[in-house]
Amino acid sequence: MIVVDELIPLLPEFFGDTHTVLQVPGRQITNALLRSYMPDALFVRSTTQVNAALLAGTGINFVGSATAGIDHVDVDWLNENGIHFTHAPASNAWAVAEYVLAWILALKVRPPACVGIIGHGNVGMRLDQALTTLGYSTLVYDPPKYGHPVSTLYELLTQSDVVTLHVPLTSIGMYPTKGMLTRTELMRLKHGAILIQTSRGGVVDDEVVAECIASKEIRAVLDVYETEPNVSANLINDVRYCTPHIAGYSRQAKHNGALMVARAYLQHIGATENLNVVESPLPTLEHSIHDLLEPTKLSLRDVVAEAQWFTEAYVQQPGSDQFDALRKAYEPRDEVLSALMQEPLA
């Protein structure tokens, strides 16, 4: 038997002939539930905290997270207790890059404006590639990868027209990201600059972001929040450009994330059968990426409409249940950017 977050697509189809599959809302996956069913494997998303409190005494030997980030998983505890873990790095990287680029275009930031990219991993590299192809200039800050000094962050914040975050949430190590952008750093942004936060809540001080917006110093886009899913309605109303943690949602991202963890599980149990599925195909487009600069020719997801939908609904009825309900109600669309960018990453 396996337990699956109900918002992970395809797994019942993948395993339905060989396993009993119990689908459960992610925040309702508890230790008591797992003890009552005693499944062998658990498949989650970022809404489920995977740690000793959840798994002790459950008999689970495999955990798969259909996400790129893993800050919701106590990997050390899993390793210490012999529980195999896998996740889906890069499965939603193009979807997040497309969300960020869609906002840059929607807010009428045009080349050769400078975009500062904090974090140059799977998402940051793809976004950088797309932006430079379109003629934007970019600055990158990623000290774990490139050894950048702190002065590089100062340069990025003071010179960029847009600053976008693509880092995991960490609180230990040489380069912790929790609280990375506090009041001191945010006050260094150029007047009128745009901050786009799609990484993890807690990397930025949300209340200071709202204060900077109120004083008309900056604009901001928030897809993740410090107190998620119970987010302040005042924050959502003040920022305006907000969505319910759906930047990485696309049909391809959801499909491929599920497929990556499903294949890892089959390998874990030594199954010889192959999944009768393939990666979700990309749409065929008779366009160049440069057509994105002329919206009448080609456009990305309508992020402004997404923000209006979420803001209006959430402000009327704020709270964690509403946040999760709206996130669940969002209907992913096909990616466009990944179909346009066919060149392999360097």
Protein backbone atom coordinates (compact mmCIF):
# COMPACT_ATOMS: atom_id res chain seq x y z
CA MET A 1 0.00 0.00 0.00
CA ILE A 2 1.10 3.58 -0.68
CA VAL A 3 -0.21 6.92 0.60
CA VAL A 4 -0.23 9.80 -1.87
CA ASP A 5 -0.92 13.52 -1.55
CA GLU A 6 -4.13 13.93 -3.52
CA LEU A 7 -2.67 16.77 -5.60
CA ILE A 8 0.08 14.63 -7.10
CA PRO A 9 -1.30 13.53 -10.47
CA LEU A 10 -0.98 10.17 -12.19
CA LEU A 11 0.30 8.01 -9.31
CA PRO A 12 -3.01 6.13 -8.94
CA GLU A 13 -2.78 5.35 -12.66
CA PHE A 14 0.89 4.37 -12.34
CA PHE A 15 0.38 1.98 -9.42
CA GLY A 16 -3.33 1.16 -9.41
CA ASP A 17 -2.89 -2.36 -10.85
CA THR A 18 -0.17 -3.40 -8.42
CA HIS A 19 -0.73 -1.35 -5.26
CA THR A 20 -3.52 -0.07 -3.09
CA VAL A 21 -3.32 3.73 -3.36
CA LEU A 22 -4.77 5.97 -0.65
CA GLN A 23 -5.08 9.62 -1.70
CA VAL A 24 -5.11 12.16 1.14
CA PRO A 25 -4.90 15.99 1.33
CA GLY A 26 -1.28 16.83 2.11
CA ARG A 27 -1.93 18.61 5.40
CA GLN A 28 -4.06 15.68 6.60
CA ILE A 29 -1.25 13.14 6.31
CA THR A 30 -0.51 12.45 9.98
CA ASN A 31 1.34 9.91 12.07
CA ALA A 32 -2.00 8.51 13.26
CA LEU A 33 -3.23 8.05 9.70
CA LEU A 34 -0.03 6.31 8.64
CA ARG A 35 -0.08 4.04 11.70
CA SER A 36 -3.67 3.07 10.97
CA TYR A 37 -2.93 2.01 7.38
CA MET A 38 0.78 1.04 7.71
CA PRO A 39 1.73 1.77 4.08
CA ASP A 40 5.13 0.89 2.65
CA ALA A 41 5.63 4.19 0.84
CA LEU A 42 4.60 7.82 1.09
CA PHE A 43 4.44 10.39 -1.71
CA VAL A 44 4.15 14.04 -0.67
CA ARG A 45 4.41 17.65 -1.74
CA SER A 46 5.74 20.64 0.17
CA THR A 47 2.65 20.91 2.39
CA THR A 48 3.59 17.80 4.37
CA GLN A 49 6.38 18.04 6.94
CA VAL A 50 8.27 14.76 6.73
CA ASN A 51 10.17 14.06 9.96
CA ALA A 52 10.27 11.83 13.03
CA ALA A 53 6.93 13.14 14.28
CA LEU A 54 5.24 12.02 11.06
CA LEU A 55 6.99 8.72 10.39
CA ALA A 56 7.99 7.18 13.75
CA GLY A 57 6.42 3.74 14.14
CA THR A 58 4.77 3.74 10.71
CA GLY A 59 6.91 1.13 8.92
CA ILE A 60 7.37 3.35 5.87
CA ASN A 61 10.56 2.51 3.98
CA PHE A 62 10.29 4.95 1.04
CA VAL A 63 9.40 8.64 0.81
CA GLY A 64 9.06 10.45 -2.50
CA SER A 65 8.47 14.19 -2.71
CA ALA A 66 7.19 15.36 -6.10
CA THR A 67 8.93 18.71 -5.52
CA ALA A 68 12.22 20.35 -6.40
CA GLY A 69 12.77 21.78 -2.91
CA ILE A 70 13.23 19.58 0.15
CA ASP A 71 13.15 22.00 3.10
CA HIS A 72 9.98 20.20 4.30
CA VAL A 73 11.88 16.92 4.66
CA ASP A 74 14.25 15.91 7.48
CA VAL A 75 16.59 14.04 5.18
CA ASP A 76 19.11 13.33 7.94
CA TRP A 77 16.46 11.57 10.05
CA LEU A 78 15.34 9.52 7.06
CA ASN A 79 18.92 8.44 6.37
CA GLU A 80 19.54 7.58 10.02
CA ASN A 81 16.46 5.38 10.02
CA GLY A 82 17.12 3.62 6.73
CA ILE A 83 14.21 5.23 4.88
CA HIS A 84 14.94 5.78 1.20
CA PHE A 85 14.18 9.29 -0.03
CA THR A 86 13.84 10.78 -3.48
CA HIS A 87 12.50 14.02 -4.92
CA ALA A 88 12.08 15.71 -8.29
CA PRO A 89 14.79 18.33 -8.88
CA ALA A 90 14.23 20.53 -11.96
CA SER A 91 10.79 19.04 -12.62
CA ASN A 92 9.16 22.49 -12.33
CA ALA A 93 12.19 24.64 -13.21
CA TRP A 94 10.88 25.87 -16.54
CA ALA A 95 7.45 26.52 -15.05
CA VAL A 96 8.93 28.82 -12.38
CA ALA A 97 11.16 30.54 -14.93
CA GLU A 98 8.11 31.13 -17.11
CA TYR A 99 6.16 32.61 -14.18
CA VAL A 100 8.98 35.06 -13.43
CA LEU A 101 9.44 36.06 -17.07
CA ALA A 102 5.68 36.48 -17.44
CA TRP A 103 5.69 39.00 -14.59
CA ILE A 104 8.70 40.86 -16.00
CA LEU A 105 6.88 41.25 -19.31
CA ALA A 106 3.51 42.03 -17.70
CA LEU A 107 5.07 44.82 -15.61
CA LYS A 108 6.57 46.23 -18.81
CA VAL A 109 10.23 45.76 -17.99
CA ARG A 110 11.93 45.56 -21.37
CA PRO A 111 15.45 44.74 -22.56
CA PRO A 112 18.17 45.73 -21.87
CA ALA A 113 16.94 46.17 -18.26
CA CYS A 114 18.98 44.36 -15.62
CA VAL A 115 17.55 41.36 -13.78
CA GLY A 116 19.31 40.22 -10.60
CA ILE A 117 19.03 36.46 -10.04
CA ILE A 118 19.68 35.26 -6.50
CA GLY A 119 20.33 31.53 -6.77
CA HIS A 120 21.66 30.06 -10.02
CA GLY A 121 20.46 26.48 -9.83
CA ASN A 122 17.89 24.69 -11.95
CA VAL A 123 15.47 27.63 -12.09
CA GLY A 124 17.97 30.48 -12.01
CA MET A 125 20.04 29.07 -14.87
CA ARG A 126 17.02 28.56 -17.08
CA LEU A 127 15.66 32.02 -16.35
CA ASP A 128 19.10 33.51 -17.02
CA GLN A 129 19.28 31.70 -20.35
CA ALA A 130 15.87 32.97 -21.45
CA LEU A 131 16.53 36.55 -20.32
CA THR A 132 19.89 36.84 -22.04
CA THR A 133 18.42 35.36 -25.21
CA LEU A 134 15.81 38.14 -25.13
CA GLY A 135 18.46 40.84 -24.64
CA TYR A 136 18.18 41.52 -20.90
CA SER A 137 21.31 41.97 -18.83
CA THR A 138 21.63 39.81 -15.72
CA LEU A 139 23.54 39.78 -12.45
CA VAL A 140 23.87 36.57 -10.47
CA TYR A 141 24.48 35.93 -6.77
CA ASP A 142 25.13 32.36 -5.69
CA PRO A 143 27.98 32.06 -3.16
CA PRO A 144 27.71 28.27 -2.59
CA LYS A 145 28.12 27.71 -6.34
CA TYR A 146 30.49 30.48 -7.38
CA GLY A 147 32.05 31.76 -4.15
CA HIS A 148 30.52 35.20 -4.60
CA PRO A 149 31.43 37.69 -1.86
CA VAL A 150 28.73 39.64 -0.02
CA SER A 151 29.64 42.69 -2.10
CA THR A 152 28.18 40.89 -5.12
CA LEU A 153 24.78 40.87 -3.42
CA TYR A 154 25.09 44.59 -2.70
CA GLU A 155 25.92 45.21 -6.37
CA LEU A 156 22.97 43.11 -7.51
CA LEU A 157 20.46 44.84 -5.22
CA THR A 158 21.58 48.36 -6.08
CA GLN A 159 21.86 47.88 -9.85
CA SER A 160 18.99 45.57 -10.79
CA ASP A 161 15.63 46.70 -12.16
CA VAL A 162 14.19 43.33 -11.12
CA VAL A 163 15.43 41.04 -8.33
CA THR A 164 14.19 37.45 -8.35
CA LEU A 165 14.86 34.77 -5.72
CA HIS A 166 15.57 31.11 -6.48
CA VAL A 167 17.16 29.66 -3.34
CA PRO A 168 16.22 26.90 -0.90
CA LEU A 169 15.28 27.80 2.67
CA THR A 170 18.25 26.98 4.91
CA SER A 171 19.19 28.12 8.40
CA ILE A 172 22.58 26.44 8.83
CA GLY A 173 25.83 26.26 6.91
CA MET A 174 28.06 28.99 5.53
CA TYR A 175 25.33 30.63 3.46
CA PRO A 176 21.95 30.38 5.25
CA THR A 177 19.07 31.84 3.26
CA LYS A 178 16.53 32.24 6.05
CA GLY A 179 16.08 35.99 6.48
CA MET A 180 18.44 36.66 3.58
CA LEU A 181 16.64 39.87 2.62
CA THR A 182 15.81 41.96 5.68
CA ARG A 183 15.05 45.66 5.91
CA THR A 184 18.72 46.52 5.38
CA GLU A 185 18.93 44.64 2.09
CA LEU A 186 15.49 45.69 0.83
CA MET A 187 16.29 49.36 1.39
CA ARG A 188 19.20 48.96 -1.03
CA LEU A 189 16.89 48.20 -3.95
CA LYS A 190 16.62 50.84 -6.64
CA HIS A 191 13.63 53.15 -6.43
CA GLY A 192 10.88 51.47 -8.44
CA ALA A 193 12.62 48.10 -8.62
CA ILE A 194 10.55 44.90 -8.68
CA LEU A 195 11.13 42.05 -6.23
CA ILE A 196 9.85 38.61 -7.29
CA GLN A 197 9.72 35.96 -4.56
CA THR A 198 9.05 32.39 -5.72
CA SER A 199 11.59 30.49 -3.61
CA ARG A 200 10.45 29.75 -0.05
CA GLY A 201 8.68 31.78 2.61
CA GLY A 202 11.12 33.08 5.18
CA VAL A 203 13.85 34.10 2.75
CA VAL A 204 12.36 37.61 2.70
CA ASP A 205 10.73 39.70 5.44
CA ASP A 206 7.20 39.97 4.01
CA GLU A 207 6.09 42.82 6.26
CA VAL A 208 9.07 44.97 5.27
CA VAL A 209 8.25 44.24 1.63
CA ALA A 210 4.73 45.58 2.24
CA GLU A 211 6.16 48.68 3.94
CA CYS A 212 8.46 49.35 0.99
CA ILE A 213 5.50 49.04 -1.37
CA ALA A 214 3.39 51.39 0.77
CA SER A 215 6.14 54.02 0.59
CA LYS A 216 6.23 53.53 -3.19
CA GLU A 217 9.89 52.50 -3.08
CA ILE A 218 9.44 49.16 -4.85
CA ARG A 219 6.92 46.81 -6.39
CA ALA A 220 6.79 43.15 -5.47
CA VAL A 221 5.39 39.80 -6.59
CA LEU A 222 4.87 37.18 -3.88
CA ASP A 223 4.07 33.54 -4.55
CA VAL A 224 5.39 32.21 -1.20
CA TYR A 225 5.01 33.60 2.32
CA GLU A 226 6.58 33.43 5.77
CA THR A 227 3.34 32.29 7.45
CA GLU A 228 1.96 30.16 4.61
CA PRO A 229 -0.74 28.92 4.38
CA ASN A 230 -2.25 31.29 6.97
CA VAL A 231 -1.26 34.53 5.26
CA SER A 232 -2.33 37.99 6.35
CA ALA A 233 -5.11 39.38 4.17
CA ASN A 234 -3.60 42.84 4.69
CA LEU A 235 -0.32 41.64 3.21
CA ILE A 236 -2.06 40.19 0.17
CA ASN A 237 -4.11 43.37 -0.29
CA ASP A 238 -1.08 45.66 0.10
CA VAL A 239 1.24 43.74 -2.21
CA ARG A 240 -1.48 43.12 -4.85
CA TYR A 241 0.67 40.93 -7.08
CA CYS A 242 0.21 37.70 -5.13
CA THR A 243 -0.49 34.07 -6.00
CA PRO A 244 -0.96 30.95 -3.80
CA HIS A 245 2.37 29.13 -4.26
CA ILE A 246 1.61 28.11 -7.83
CA ALA A 247 4.62 29.55 -9.70
CA GLY A 248 5.89 26.05 -10.41
CA TYR A 249 2.54 24.71 -11.58
CA SER A 250 2.25 23.59 -15.19
CA ARG A 251 0.94 20.41 -16.77
CA GLN A 252 4.47 19.33 -17.63
CA ALA A 253 5.87 20.13 -14.17
CA LYS A 254 3.20 18.14 -12.35
CA HIS A 255 3.44 15.20 -14.74
CA ASN A 256 7.22 15.00 -14.69
CA GLY A 257 7.47 15.43 -10.91
CA ALA A 258 5.13 12.49 -10.42
CA LEU A 259 6.93 10.43 -13.03
CA MET A 260 10.36 11.02 -11.43
CA VAL A 261 9.30 9.79 -7.99
CA ALA A 262 7.29 6.90 -9.43
CA ARG A 263 10.29 5.60 -11.38
CA ALA A 264 12.50 5.96 -8.31
CA TYR A 265 10.03 3.87 -6.29
CA LEU A 266 9.95 1.12 -8.90
CA GLN A 267 13.73 1.01 -8.82
CA HIS A 268 13.66 0.94 -5.01
CA ILE A 269 11.40 -2.12 -4.90
CA GLY A 270 13.24 -3.84 -7.73
CA ALA A 271 10.26 -3.83 -10.07
CA THR A 272 11.02 -4.87 -13.61
CA GLU A 273 7.89 -3.44 -15.20
CA ASN A 274 8.08 -0.14 -17.01
CA LEU A 275 5.64 2.67 -16.48
CA ASN A 276 3.37 2.98 -19.47
CA VAL A 277 3.81 6.72 -19.58
CA VAL A 278 6.26 9.22 -21.01
CA GLU A 279 7.21 12.76 -20.16
CA SER A 280 4.37 15.17 -20.77
CA PRO A 281 4.82 16.47 -24.33
CA LEU A 282 5.44 20.14 -24.91
CA PRO A 283 3.15 22.09 -27.23
CA THR A 284 4.36 22.65 -30.78
CA LEU A 285 4.89 26.37 -31.35
CA GLU A 286 5.60 28.12 -34.61
CA HIS A 287 7.23 31.00 -32.80
CA SER A 288 10.55 32.43 -31.68
CA ILE A 289 11.20 33.39 -28.07
CA HIS A 290 11.59 36.96 -29.32
CA ASP A 291 7.87 36.96 -30.16
CA LEU A 292 7.26 37.22 -26.40
CA LEU A 293 8.35 40.86 -26.61
CA GLU A 294 5.30 41.47 -28.81
CA PRO A 295 2.28 40.14 -26.86
CA THR A 296 0.06 40.23 -29.93
CA LYS A 297 2.23 37.46 -31.39
CA LEU A 298 2.74 35.25 -28.35
CA SER A 299 2.20 35.49 -24.60
CA LEU A 300 2.98 33.45 -21.51
CA ARG A 301 0.59 32.57 -18.68
CA ASP A 302 -1.58 35.51 -17.62
CA VAL A 303 -0.02 36.12 -14.22
CA VAL A 304 -1.88 39.40 -13.69
CA ALA A 305 -5.22 37.62 -14.03
CA GLU A 306 -3.96 34.86 -11.71
CA ALA A 307 -3.05 37.46 -9.07
CA GLN A 308 -6.38 39.26 -9.40
CA TRP A 309 -8.26 35.97 -9.02
CA PHE A 310 -6.31 34.99 -5.91
CA THR A 311 -6.29 38.41 -4.25
CA GLU A 312 -10.02 39.00 -4.65
CA ALA A 313 -10.96 35.55 -3.36
CA TYR A 314 -8.45 35.44 -0.50
CA VAL A 315 -9.07 38.93 0.90
CA GLN A 316 -12.79 38.17 1.13
CA GLN A 317 -12.17 34.95 3.05
CA PRO A 318 -8.59 34.72 4.38
CA GLY A 319 -7.10 31.74 6.17
CA SER A 320 -5.21 28.53 5.65
CA ASP A 321 -8.21 26.57 4.35
CA GLN A 322 -8.90 29.18 1.70
CA PHE A 323 -5.24 29.37 0.70
CA ASP A 324 -5.11 25.61 0.18
CA ALA A 325 -8.47 25.58 -1.60
CA LEU A 326 -7.37 28.23 -4.08
CA ARG A 327 -4.07 26.49 -4.65
CA LYS A 328 -5.97 23.28 -5.36
CA ALA A 329 -8.42 25.08 -7.66
CA TYR A 330 -5.70 26.57 -9.87
CA GLU A 331 -5.73 24.89 -13.26
CA PRO A 332 -2.19 24.48 -14.67
CA ARG A 333 -1.61 25.16 -18.33
CA ASP A 334 0.98 23.96 -20.81
CA GLU A 335 4.42 25.50 -20.58
CA VAL A 336 5.44 27.85 -23.36
CA LEU A 337 8.94 28.93 -22.40
CA SER A 338 10.41 25.42 -22.31
CA ALA A 339 8.99 24.75 -25.77
CA LEU A 340 10.70 27.90 -27.07
CA MET A 341 14.06 27.24 -25.42
CA GLN A 342 15.26 24.10 -27.13
CA GLU A 343 18.99 24.73 -26.67
CA PRO A 344 20.58 22.56 -23.93
CA LEU A 345 21.87 24.36 -20.88
CA ALA A 346 25.62 24.84 -20.75
